[in-house]
Amino acid sequence: MSAPICFLDVESDGLHPGRKAWEAAFIRREPDGTEMTEHFYLSIDLSTADPAGLRVGRFYDRHPMGMRISHLGRVQTPTVKPITQAAPLIARMTHGAQIVGAVPSFDTEILDRLLREQGLIPGWHYRLTCVETLTAGHLRRHVGGLGKCAEALGVPIEGEHTALGDTRTAMRIYDAVMGTTRLEAVA
C-alpha cells in the first residue's frame, strides 16, 4: 500500500439532493499499518430533512438533538461537533487518502459540500473504492448491500446503519477481499 486508506461512512438526513450528515466515522490506515479512528455527531439543521431518512439511522434514538426531541434521556450524551470544527477534522482524515466504503460516492458527495461550505476542498484521491462492488467482483455475482456482502464473506457486521459500525464493517469486507489479515472480532 503506497497511499493511506480512509474507510468512512456518514449517516444522513435522507437520500435527497442537498442531504446533510448528522453522524460521521473515519478509520485512516497509513501505509505502515497504523490506524486512527474518528467518530462524531454533527450539528444539523433539520428543516430540509426527510423523516424516513432520519429513521434509517435512528436519529431520534442516537443523536443528542434527536434524543432531546423524542424525550429519550441517556446517562452519557455523545458529543456533537459544530460543522466549523468537524470540517477541518474531516479534511485531515481524508487528505491524500484512497476512500473506501459502501457506495462511497454517496458519502463523499455530502462531505465535499460540507468542506466547501467551510472554505475547504476535498483532498482525497479521486478514485473511490466501493466494498459492495469489490465483493461482487470477488464472488463473481451481485450480492447486495453492505450487510449482504458481509454475510456472503463471513465477515462480522457491527452496528448496522451507524457510521462507526458501517465503517468497521466496510473495513472488514475490504480486508477479507483484498487478503489482508486485519479481521478482528466484533467488540
N, C-alpha and C. Protein backbone atom coordinates (compact mmCIF):
# COMPACT_ATOMS: atom_id res chain seq x y z
N MET A 1 0.86 -1.17 0.00
CA MET A 1 0.00 0.00 0.00
C MET A 1 0.91 1.23 0.00
N SER A 2 0.68 2.11 -0.95
CA SER A 2 1.55 3.28 -1.03
C SER A 2 0.89 4.55 -0.50
N ALA A 3 -0.41 4.61 -0.51
CA ALA A 3 -1.14 5.79 -0.01
C ALA A 3 -2.00 5.37 1.17
N PRO A 4 -2.35 6.31 2.02
CA PRO A 4 -3.26 5.99 3.11
C PRO A 4 -4.62 5.56 2.56
N ILE A 5 -5.31 4.79 3.35
CA ILE A 5 -6.69 4.41 3.04
C ILE A 5 -7.56 5.04 4.13
N CYS A 6 -8.68 5.60 3.73
CA CYS A 6 -9.63 6.12 4.71
C CYS A 6 -10.97 5.44 4.51
N PHE A 7 -11.31 4.57 5.44
CA PHE A 7 -12.63 3.94 5.45
C PHE A 7 -13.56 4.96 6.08
N LEU A 8 -14.74 5.13 5.50
CA LEU A 8 -15.64 6.12 6.07
C LEU A 8 -17.10 5.78 5.82
N ASP A 9 -17.94 6.41 6.62
CA ASP A 9 -19.39 6.33 6.45
C ASP A 9 -20.02 7.52 7.14
N VAL A 10 -21.12 7.99 6.57
CA VAL A 10 -21.92 9.03 7.23
C VAL A 10 -23.36 8.56 7.30
N GLU A 11 -24.04 9.00 8.33
CA GLU A 11 -25.49 8.85 8.40
C GLU A 11 -26.05 10.21 8.03
N SER A 12 -27.05 10.21 7.16
CA SER A 12 -27.55 11.48 6.62
C SER A 12 -29.04 11.64 6.91
N ASP A 13 -29.52 12.83 6.58
CA ASP A 13 -30.93 13.15 6.82
C ASP A 13 -31.84 12.75 5.65
N GLY A 14 -31.35 11.91 4.76
CA GLY A 14 -32.16 11.41 3.66
C GLY A 14 -31.33 11.09 2.44
N LEU A 15 -32.03 10.82 1.34
CA LEU A 15 -31.38 10.49 0.08
C LEU A 15 -31.47 11.65 -0.92
N HIS A 16 -32.13 12.70 -0.56
CA HIS A 16 -32.43 13.82 -1.45
C HIS A 16 -31.18 14.65 -1.77
N PRO A 17 -31.23 15.38 -2.90
CA PRO A 17 -30.12 16.31 -3.19
C PRO A 17 -30.01 17.33 -2.05
N GLY A 18 -28.81 17.67 -1.69
CA GLY A 18 -28.60 18.61 -0.59
C GLY A 18 -28.66 17.96 0.78
N ARG A 19 -28.73 16.64 0.81
CA ARG A 19 -28.78 15.94 2.10
C ARG A 19 -27.57 16.30 2.94
N LYS A 20 -27.73 16.18 4.26
CA LYS A 20 -26.67 16.56 5.20
C LYS A 20 -26.34 15.40 6.13
N ALA A 21 -25.10 15.38 6.58
CA ALA A 21 -24.64 14.36 7.52
C ALA A 21 -24.97 14.77 8.94
N TRP A 22 -25.37 13.80 9.75
CA TRP A 22 -25.56 14.05 11.18
C TRP A 22 -24.66 13.16 12.04
N GLU A 23 -24.00 12.19 11.40
CA GLU A 23 -23.03 11.34 12.10
C GLU A 23 -21.96 10.95 11.08
N ALA A 24 -20.72 10.90 11.51
CA ALA A 24 -19.63 10.54 10.61
C ALA A 24 -18.59 9.71 11.34
N ALA A 25 -17.98 8.78 10.60
CA ALA A 25 -16.89 7.97 11.16
C ALA A 25 -15.83 7.76 10.10
N PHE A 26 -14.58 7.75 10.56
CA PHE A 26 -13.42 7.61 9.68
C PHE A 26 -12.41 6.70 10.37
N ILE A 27 -11.85 5.77 9.61
CA ILE A 27 -10.70 5.00 10.07
C ILE A 27 -9.63 5.19 9.01
N ARG A 28 -8.59 5.89 9.37
CA ARG A 28 -7.50 6.17 8.44
C ARG A 28 -6.37 5.18 8.71
N ARG A 29 -6.01 4.44 7.68
CA ARG A 29 -4.93 3.46 7.78
C ARG A 29 -3.74 3.99 6.97
N GLU A 30 -2.64 4.19 7.64
CA GLU A 30 -1.43 4.69 6.99
C GLU A 30 -0.69 3.54 6.30
N PRO A 31 0.21 3.86 5.38
CA PRO A 31 0.96 2.81 4.68
C PRO A 31 1.71 1.86 5.61
N ASP A 32 2.11 2.34 6.80
CA ASP A 32 2.82 1.45 7.74
C ASP A 32 1.86 0.59 8.57
N GLY A 33 0.53 0.72 8.32
CA GLY A 33 -0.46 -0.09 9.01
C GLY A 33 -1.08 0.55 10.24
N THR A 34 -0.53 1.66 10.71
CA THR A 34 -1.14 2.32 11.86
C THR A 34 -2.50 2.90 11.47
N GLU A 35 -3.40 2.91 12.43
CA GLU A 35 -4.75 3.38 12.19
C GLU A 35 -5.15 4.44 13.20
N MET A 36 -5.98 5.37 12.73
CA MET A 36 -6.55 6.41 13.58
C MET A 36 -8.05 6.43 13.30
N THR A 37 -8.84 6.49 14.36
CA THR A 37 -10.30 6.49 14.22
C THR A 37 -10.88 7.79 14.75
N GLU A 38 -11.84 8.32 14.02
CA GLU A 38 -12.62 9.49 14.47
C GLU A 38 -14.08 9.17 14.25
N HIS A 39 -14.89 9.46 15.25
CA HIS A 39 -16.34 9.25 15.17
C HIS A 39 -17.01 10.37 15.93
N PHE A 40 -18.00 11.00 15.30
CA PHE A 40 -18.70 12.09 15.98
C PHE A 40 -20.06 12.33 15.34
N TYR A 41 -20.89 13.01 16.12
CA TYR A 41 -22.17 13.51 15.62
C TYR A 41 -21.95 14.95 15.20
N LEU A 42 -22.71 15.39 14.20
CA LEU A 42 -22.59 16.76 13.70
C LEU A 42 -23.85 17.53 14.03
N SER A 43 -23.67 18.82 14.26
CA SER A 43 -24.84 19.68 14.43
C SER A 43 -25.55 19.73 13.08
N ILE A 44 -26.87 19.80 13.10
CA ILE A 44 -27.63 19.74 11.86
C ILE A 44 -28.90 20.57 11.95
N ASP A 45 -29.23 21.20 10.86
CA ASP A 45 -30.50 21.91 10.69
C ASP A 45 -31.44 20.92 10.00
N LEU A 46 -32.52 20.58 10.64
CA LEU A 46 -33.44 19.56 10.12
C LEU A 46 -34.51 20.11 9.17
N SER A 47 -34.44 21.37 8.82
CA SER A 47 -35.52 21.98 8.03
C SER A 47 -35.73 21.33 6.67
N THR A 48 -34.71 20.68 6.11
CA THR A 48 -34.88 20.02 4.81
C THR A 48 -34.76 18.50 4.93
N ALA A 49 -34.76 17.99 6.14
CA ALA A 49 -34.59 16.55 6.37
C ALA A 49 -35.80 15.75 5.90
N ASP A 50 -35.53 14.52 5.52
CA ASP A 50 -36.58 13.56 5.17
C ASP A 50 -36.80 12.68 6.40
N PRO A 51 -38.00 12.71 6.99
CA PRO A 51 -38.24 11.91 8.19
C PRO A 51 -37.90 10.43 8.02
N ALA A 52 -38.16 9.88 6.83
CA ALA A 52 -37.84 8.47 6.60
C ALA A 52 -36.33 8.26 6.64
N GLY A 53 -35.57 9.20 6.12
CA GLY A 53 -34.11 9.11 6.15
C GLY A 53 -33.58 9.15 7.57
N LEU A 54 -34.19 9.96 8.41
CA LEU A 54 -33.76 10.04 9.81
C LEU A 54 -34.05 8.73 10.54
N ARG A 55 -35.13 8.07 10.17
CA ARG A 55 -35.49 6.79 10.83
C ARG A 55 -34.47 5.69 10.54
N VAL A 56 -33.92 5.66 9.32
CA VAL A 56 -32.99 4.60 8.94
C VAL A 56 -31.81 4.53 9.91
N GLY A 57 -31.20 5.67 10.19
CA GLY A 57 -30.05 5.69 11.09
C GLY A 57 -30.41 5.85 12.55
N ARG A 58 -31.72 5.88 12.86
CA ARG A 58 -32.22 6.00 14.23
C ARG A 58 -31.78 7.32 14.87
N PHE A 59 -31.95 8.41 14.12
CA PHE A 59 -31.57 9.75 14.58
C PHE A 59 -32.18 10.07 15.94
N TYR A 60 -33.45 9.77 16.14
CA TYR A 60 -34.14 10.14 17.38
C TYR A 60 -33.74 9.28 18.57
N ASP A 61 -33.05 8.17 18.31
CA ASP A 61 -32.57 7.31 19.38
C ASP A 61 -31.09 7.53 19.69
N ARG A 62 -30.33 8.13 18.75
CA ARG A 62 -28.88 8.18 18.90
C ARG A 62 -28.27 9.57 18.89
N HIS A 63 -28.79 10.50 18.13
CA HIS A 63 -28.22 11.85 18.08
C HIS A 63 -28.74 12.66 19.27
N PRO A 64 -27.89 13.40 19.96
CA PRO A 64 -28.35 14.17 21.13
C PRO A 64 -29.55 15.08 20.84
N MET A 65 -29.56 15.75 19.71
CA MET A 65 -30.70 16.60 19.35
C MET A 65 -31.96 15.75 19.19
N GLY A 66 -31.81 14.61 18.51
CA GLY A 66 -32.94 13.71 18.32
C GLY A 66 -33.46 13.16 19.63
N MET A 67 -32.53 12.84 20.55
CA MET A 67 -32.93 12.32 21.85
C MET A 67 -33.66 13.38 22.66
N ARG A 68 -33.22 14.64 22.55
CA ARG A 68 -33.92 15.73 23.25
C ARG A 68 -35.34 15.89 22.69
N ILE A 69 -35.46 15.82 21.36
CA ILE A 69 -36.77 15.97 20.72
C ILE A 69 -37.70 14.83 21.13
N SER A 70 -37.17 13.63 21.14
CA SER A 70 -38.01 12.46 21.43
C SER A 70 -38.11 12.16 22.92
N HIS A 71 -37.51 12.99 23.77
CA HIS A 71 -37.55 12.87 25.23
C HIS A 71 -36.85 11.62 25.75
N LEU A 72 -35.89 11.12 25.01
CA LEU A 72 -35.13 9.98 25.48
C LEU A 72 -33.93 10.49 26.27
N GLY A 73 -33.84 10.12 27.51
CA GLY A 73 -32.71 10.55 28.32
C GLY A 73 -31.63 9.50 28.31
N ARG A 74 -30.39 9.91 28.32
CA ARG A 74 -29.26 9.00 28.38
C ARG A 74 -28.34 9.46 29.49
N VAL A 75 -27.69 8.52 30.12
CA VAL A 75 -26.74 8.86 31.16
C VAL A 75 -25.56 9.61 30.54
N GLN A 76 -25.07 9.10 29.40
CA GLN A 76 -23.92 9.71 28.75
C GLN A 76 -24.36 10.21 27.37
N THR A 77 -24.35 11.51 27.18
CA THR A 77 -24.75 12.08 25.91
C THR A 77 -23.52 12.22 25.02
N PRO A 78 -23.60 11.69 23.78
CA PRO A 78 -22.44 11.80 22.89
C PRO A 78 -22.16 13.26 22.51
N THR A 79 -20.95 13.50 22.10
CA THR A 79 -20.52 14.84 21.71
C THR A 79 -21.01 15.18 20.32
N VAL A 80 -21.44 16.41 20.15
CA VAL A 80 -21.85 16.93 18.84
C VAL A 80 -20.85 17.99 18.44
N LYS A 81 -20.27 17.82 17.25
CA LYS A 81 -19.32 18.81 16.74
C LYS A 81 -20.04 19.80 15.85
N PRO A 82 -19.79 21.08 16.06
CA PRO A 82 -20.29 22.05 15.09
C PRO A 82 -19.56 21.83 13.76
N ILE A 83 -20.21 22.15 12.67
CA ILE A 83 -19.62 21.95 11.34
C ILE A 83 -18.27 22.65 11.24
N THR A 84 -18.13 23.80 11.89
CA THR A 84 -16.87 24.55 11.82
C THR A 84 -15.70 23.77 12.43
N GLN A 85 -15.98 22.90 13.40
CA GLN A 85 -14.93 22.04 13.99
C GLN A 85 -14.79 20.73 13.24
N ALA A 86 -15.90 20.22 12.71
CA ALA A 86 -15.88 18.93 12.01
C ALA A 86 -15.15 19.02 10.67
N ALA A 87 -15.36 20.10 9.95
CA ALA A 87 -14.79 20.21 8.59
C ALA A 87 -13.27 20.07 8.57
N PRO A 88 -12.50 20.78 9.40
CA PRO A 88 -11.04 20.61 9.36
C PRO A 88 -10.61 19.18 9.73
N LEU A 89 -11.32 18.56 10.65
CA LEU A 89 -11.01 17.18 11.03
C LEU A 89 -11.28 16.23 9.87
N ILE A 90 -12.40 16.41 9.18
CA ILE A 90 -12.72 15.59 8.01
C ILE A 90 -11.66 15.79 6.94
N ALA A 91 -11.27 17.03 6.71
CA ALA A 91 -10.24 17.32 5.71
C ALA A 91 -8.93 16.60 6.04
N ARG A 92 -8.52 16.61 7.31
CA ARG A 92 -7.28 15.94 7.72
C ARG A 92 -7.38 14.42 7.60
N MET A 93 -8.50 13.86 8.02
CA MET A 93 -8.65 12.40 7.99
C MET A 93 -8.66 11.85 6.57
N THR A 94 -9.16 12.62 5.63
CA THR A 94 -9.31 12.14 4.25
C THR A 94 -8.20 12.61 3.31
N HIS A 95 -7.38 13.55 3.74
CA HIS A 95 -6.38 14.15 2.85
C HIS A 95 -5.40 13.12 2.30
N GLY A 96 -5.29 13.07 0.98
CA GLY A 96 -4.34 12.19 0.32
C GLY A 96 -4.71 10.72 0.37
N ALA A 97 -5.88 10.40 0.88
CA ALA A 97 -6.26 9.01 1.11
C ALA A 97 -7.14 8.45 -0.01
N GLN A 98 -7.03 7.14 -0.19
CA GLN A 98 -7.95 6.40 -1.03
C GLN A 98 -9.19 6.15 -0.16
N ILE A 99 -10.34 6.60 -0.60
CA ILE A 99 -11.57 6.44 0.18
C ILE A 99 -12.18 5.07 -0.10
N VAL A 100 -12.56 4.38 0.99
CA VAL A 100 -13.18 3.06 0.89
C VAL A 100 -14.45 3.07 1.73
N GLY A 101 -15.52 2.57 1.17
CA GLY A 101 -16.78 2.49 1.91
C GLY A 101 -17.82 1.74 1.12
N ALA A 102 -19.02 1.72 1.64
CA ALA A 102 -20.17 1.13 0.94
C ALA A 102 -20.84 2.26 0.17
N VAL A 103 -20.73 2.23 -1.15
CA VAL A 103 -21.20 3.30 -2.03
C VAL A 103 -20.60 4.63 -1.53
N PRO A 104 -19.28 4.74 -1.56
CA PRO A 104 -18.63 5.92 -1.00
C PRO A 104 -18.96 7.23 -1.73
N SER A 105 -19.43 7.15 -2.95
CA SER A 105 -19.81 8.38 -3.66
C SER A 105 -20.97 9.08 -2.93
N PHE A 106 -21.85 8.32 -2.30
CA PHE A 106 -22.95 8.89 -1.52
C PHE A 106 -22.39 9.75 -0.39
N ASP A 107 -21.40 9.21 0.31
CA ASP A 107 -20.82 9.89 1.46
C ASP A 107 -19.93 11.06 1.04
N THR A 108 -19.10 10.84 0.02
CA THR A 108 -18.18 11.90 -0.38
C THR A 108 -18.91 13.08 -1.00
N GLU A 109 -20.06 12.86 -1.60
CA GLU A 109 -20.86 13.99 -2.11
C GLU A 109 -21.27 14.90 -0.95
N ILE A 110 -21.70 14.31 0.13
CA ILE A 110 -22.09 15.07 1.32
C ILE A 110 -20.87 15.78 1.91
N LEU A 111 -19.76 15.05 2.05
CA LEU A 111 -18.56 15.61 2.66
C LEU A 111 -17.94 16.70 1.80
N ASP A 112 -17.97 16.52 0.49
CA ASP A 112 -17.46 17.54 -0.43
C ASP A 112 -18.19 18.87 -0.19
N ARG A 113 -19.50 18.81 -0.16
CA ARG A 113 -20.31 20.02 0.05
C ARG A 113 -20.04 20.63 1.43
N LEU A 114 -19.95 19.78 2.45
CA LEU A 114 -19.69 20.26 3.81
C LEU A 114 -18.35 20.99 3.86
N LEU A 115 -17.31 20.41 3.27
CA LEU A 115 -15.99 21.04 3.28
C LEU A 115 -16.01 22.38 2.54
N ARG A 116 -16.61 22.39 1.37
CA ARG A 116 -16.62 23.61 0.56
C ARG A 116 -17.40 24.73 1.24
N GLU A 117 -18.47 24.38 1.95
CA GLU A 117 -19.23 25.40 2.68
C GLU A 117 -18.40 26.03 3.80
N GLN A 118 -17.34 25.33 4.22
CA GLN A 118 -16.46 25.85 5.27
C GLN A 118 -15.16 26.40 4.69
N GLY A 119 -15.12 26.61 3.38
CA GLY A 119 -13.94 27.20 2.75
C GLY A 119 -12.80 26.23 2.52
N LEU A 120 -13.08 24.93 2.59
CA LEU A 120 -12.06 23.90 2.37
C LEU A 120 -12.41 23.12 1.09
N ILE A 121 -11.48 22.31 0.63
CA ILE A 121 -11.76 21.45 -0.52
C ILE A 121 -11.36 20.02 -0.19
N PRO A 122 -11.99 19.05 -0.83
CA PRO A 122 -11.62 17.65 -0.60
C PRO A 122 -10.20 17.39 -1.11
N GLY A 123 -9.45 16.64 -0.34
CA GLY A 123 -8.09 16.29 -0.74
C GLY A 123 -7.90 14.80 -0.90
N TRP A 124 -9.00 14.05 -0.97
CA TRP A 124 -8.88 12.61 -1.13
C TRP A 124 -8.62 12.26 -2.58
N HIS A 125 -8.19 11.02 -2.81
CA HIS A 125 -7.93 10.52 -4.15
C HIS A 125 -9.26 10.44 -4.90
N TYR A 126 -9.23 10.77 -6.17
CA TYR A 126 -10.48 10.83 -6.94
C TYR A 126 -11.09 9.46 -7.22
N ARG A 127 -10.32 8.39 -7.14
CA ARG A 127 -10.89 7.05 -7.34
C ARG A 127 -11.38 6.54 -6.00
N LEU A 128 -12.67 6.26 -5.94
CA LEU A 128 -13.28 5.74 -4.72
C LEU A 128 -13.39 4.22 -4.84
N THR A 129 -13.29 3.54 -3.70
CA THR A 129 -13.40 2.08 -3.69
C THR A 129 -14.65 1.68 -2.93
N CYS A 130 -15.55 0.99 -3.63
CA CYS A 130 -16.81 0.53 -3.05
C CYS A 130 -16.67 -0.94 -2.67
N VAL A 131 -16.87 -1.26 -1.39
CA VAL A 131 -16.73 -2.65 -0.95
C VAL A 131 -17.85 -3.54 -1.50
N GLU A 132 -18.98 -2.96 -1.84
CA GLU A 132 -20.05 -3.76 -2.44
C GLU A 132 -19.65 -4.22 -3.84
N THR A 133 -19.00 -3.33 -4.60
CA THR A 133 -18.52 -3.68 -5.93
C THR A 133 -17.35 -4.66 -5.82
N LEU A 134 -16.44 -4.44 -4.86
CA LEU A 134 -15.34 -5.38 -4.65
C LEU A 134 -15.86 -6.78 -4.35
N THR A 135 -16.87 -6.86 -3.50
CA THR A 135 -17.44 -8.16 -3.13
C THR A 135 -18.06 -8.84 -4.34
N ALA A 136 -18.81 -8.09 -5.13
CA ALA A 136 -19.44 -8.66 -6.33
C ALA A 136 -18.38 -9.22 -7.27
N GLY A 137 -17.30 -8.49 -7.48
CA GLY A 137 -16.23 -8.97 -8.34
C GLY A 137 -15.53 -10.18 -7.75
N HIS A 138 -15.29 -10.14 -6.47
CA HIS A 138 -14.61 -11.25 -5.78
C HIS A 138 -15.43 -12.53 -5.85
N LEU A 139 -16.74 -12.41 -5.65
CA LEU A 139 -17.61 -13.59 -5.64
C LEU A 139 -18.20 -13.90 -7.02
N ARG A 140 -17.97 -12.99 -7.96
CA ARG A 140 -18.46 -13.12 -9.34
C ARG A 140 -19.97 -13.21 -9.42
N ARG A 141 -20.62 -12.44 -8.55
CA ARG A 141 -22.09 -12.34 -8.59
C ARG A 141 -22.52 -11.11 -7.81
N HIS A 142 -23.66 -10.57 -8.20
CA HIS A 142 -24.20 -9.44 -7.44
C HIS A 142 -24.64 -9.96 -6.07
N VAL A 143 -24.28 -9.23 -5.03
CA VAL A 143 -24.58 -9.70 -3.67
C VAL A 143 -25.63 -8.83 -3.00
N GLY A 144 -25.52 -7.51 -3.12
CA GLY A 144 -26.45 -6.61 -2.46
C GLY A 144 -25.70 -5.58 -1.64
N GLY A 145 -26.35 -5.07 -0.60
CA GLY A 145 -25.79 -4.02 0.24
C GLY A 145 -24.71 -4.50 1.18
N LEU A 146 -24.30 -3.59 2.05
CA LEU A 146 -23.20 -3.84 2.98
C LEU A 146 -23.42 -5.09 3.82
N GLY A 147 -24.59 -5.21 4.42
CA GLY A 147 -24.88 -6.37 5.27
C GLY A 147 -24.84 -7.68 4.52
N LYS A 148 -25.39 -7.69 3.32
CA LYS A 148 -25.39 -8.91 2.48
C LYS A 148 -23.97 -9.28 2.06
N CYS A 149 -23.15 -8.26 1.77
CA CYS A 149 -21.76 -8.52 1.41
C CYS A 149 -21.00 -9.13 2.59
N ALA A 150 -21.18 -8.55 3.77
CA ALA A 150 -20.52 -9.08 4.95
C ALA A 150 -20.94 -10.53 5.20
N GLU A 151 -22.24 -10.76 5.09
CA GLU A 151 -22.77 -12.11 5.28
C GLU A 151 -22.15 -13.09 4.29
N ALA A 152 -22.11 -12.72 3.02
CA ALA A 152 -21.58 -13.60 1.97
C ALA A 152 -20.11 -13.93 2.19
N LEU A 153 -19.37 -13.02 2.82
CA LEU A 153 -17.94 -13.23 3.06
C LEU A 153 -17.65 -13.79 4.44
N GLY A 154 -18.69 -13.95 5.28
CA GLY A 154 -18.48 -14.42 6.64
C GLY A 154 -17.81 -13.39 7.53
N VAL A 155 -18.07 -12.11 7.23
CA VAL A 155 -17.45 -11.01 7.97
C VAL A 155 -18.45 -10.51 9.02
N PRO A 156 -17.99 -10.25 10.24
CA PRO A 156 -18.90 -9.74 11.28
C PRO A 156 -19.49 -8.38 10.90
N ILE A 157 -20.76 -8.21 11.17
CA ILE A 157 -21.46 -6.93 10.97
C ILE A 157 -21.53 -6.25 12.31
N GLU A 158 -21.18 -4.98 12.32
CA GLU A 158 -21.19 -4.23 13.58
C GLU A 158 -22.05 -2.98 13.44
N GLY A 159 -23.02 -2.82 14.32
CA GLY A 159 -23.80 -1.59 14.39
C GLY A 159 -24.36 -1.11 13.07
N GLU A 160 -25.15 -1.94 12.42
CA GLU A 160 -25.70 -1.58 11.11
C GLU A 160 -26.43 -0.24 11.15
N HIS A 161 -26.20 0.55 10.12
CA HIS A 161 -26.76 1.91 9.99
C HIS A 161 -26.31 2.83 11.13
N THR A 162 -25.09 2.61 11.60
CA THR A 162 -24.40 3.58 12.44
C THR A 162 -23.12 3.89 11.69
N ALA A 163 -22.66 5.12 11.75
CA ALA A 163 -21.48 5.49 10.96
C ALA A 163 -20.27 4.64 11.34
N LEU A 164 -19.99 4.48 12.62
CA LEU A 164 -18.82 3.73 13.02
C LEU A 164 -18.98 2.23 12.73
N GLY A 165 -20.15 1.69 12.98
CA GLY A 165 -20.39 0.28 12.69
C GLY A 165 -20.25 -0.03 11.21
N ASP A 166 -20.84 0.79 10.36
CA ASP A 166 -20.74 0.56 8.92
C ASP A 166 -19.31 0.77 8.42
N THR A 167 -18.58 1.71 9.02
CA THR A 167 -17.18 1.92 8.63
C THR A 167 -16.36 0.69 8.98
N ARG A 168 -16.56 0.16 10.16
CA ARG A 168 -15.80 -1.04 10.57
C ARG A 168 -16.17 -2.25 9.72
N THR A 169 -17.46 -2.38 9.40
CA THR A 169 -17.88 -3.49 8.54
C THR A 169 -17.27 -3.36 7.15
N ALA A 170 -17.27 -2.16 6.59
CA ALA A 170 -16.66 -1.93 5.28
C ALA A 170 -15.17 -2.26 5.31
N MET A 171 -14.49 -1.90 6.39
CA MET A 171 -13.06 -2.19 6.52
C MET A 171 -12.82 -3.70 6.56
N ARG A 172 -13.66 -4.42 7.28
CA ARG A 172 -13.52 -5.87 7.38
C ARG A 172 -13.77 -6.53 6.01
N ILE A 173 -14.75 -6.03 5.28
CA ILE A 173 -15.02 -6.56 3.94
C ILE A 173 -13.81 -6.32 3.04
N TYR A 174 -13.30 -5.11 3.05
CA TYR A 174 -12.13 -4.76 2.24
C TYR A 174 -10.97 -5.69 2.57
N ASP A 175 -10.69 -5.85 3.86
CA ASP A 175 -9.58 -6.70 4.27
C ASP A 175 -9.80 -8.16 3.85
N ALA A 176 -11.03 -8.64 3.92
CA ALA A 176 -11.32 -10.02 3.53
C ALA A 176 -11.12 -10.21 2.02
N VAL A 177 -11.61 -9.28 1.23
CA VAL A 177 -11.49 -9.40 -0.22
C VAL A 177 -10.06 -9.18 -0.69
N MET A 178 -9.38 -8.22 -0.09
CA MET A 178 -8.02 -7.88 -0.52
C MET A 178 -6.97 -8.81 0.09
N GLY A 179 -7.39 -9.70 0.98
CA GLY A 179 -6.47 -10.70 1.54
C GLY A 179 -5.59 -10.22 2.66
N THR A 180 -5.95 -9.10 3.29
CA THR A 180 -5.17 -8.66 4.44
C THR A 180 -5.59 -9.44 5.67
N THR A 181 -4.84 -9.37 6.72
CA THR A 181 -5.11 -10.18 7.92
C THR A 181 -5.59 -9.32 9.07
N ARG A 182 -6.34 -8.28 8.76
CA ARG A 182 -6.75 -7.34 9.81
C ARG A 182 -8.16 -7.60 10.32
N LEU A 183 -8.70 -8.79 10.11
CA LEU A 183 -10.05 -9.09 10.58
C LEU A 183 -10.03 -9.32 12.09
N GLU A 184 -10.58 -8.39 12.82
CA GLU A 184 -10.65 -8.54 14.28
C GLU A 184 -12.09 -8.87 14.67
N ALA A 185 -12.25 -9.47 15.80
CA ALA A 185 -13.59 -9.82 16.28
C ALA A 185 -14.35 -8.56 16.66
N VAL A 186 -15.67 -8.64 16.58
CA VAL A 186 -16.52 -7.53 17.00
C VAL A 186 -16.40 -7.41 18.51
N ALA A 187 -16.17 -6.19 18.96
CA ALA A 187 -16.02 -5.94 20.40
C ALA A 187 -17.33 -6.10 21.12
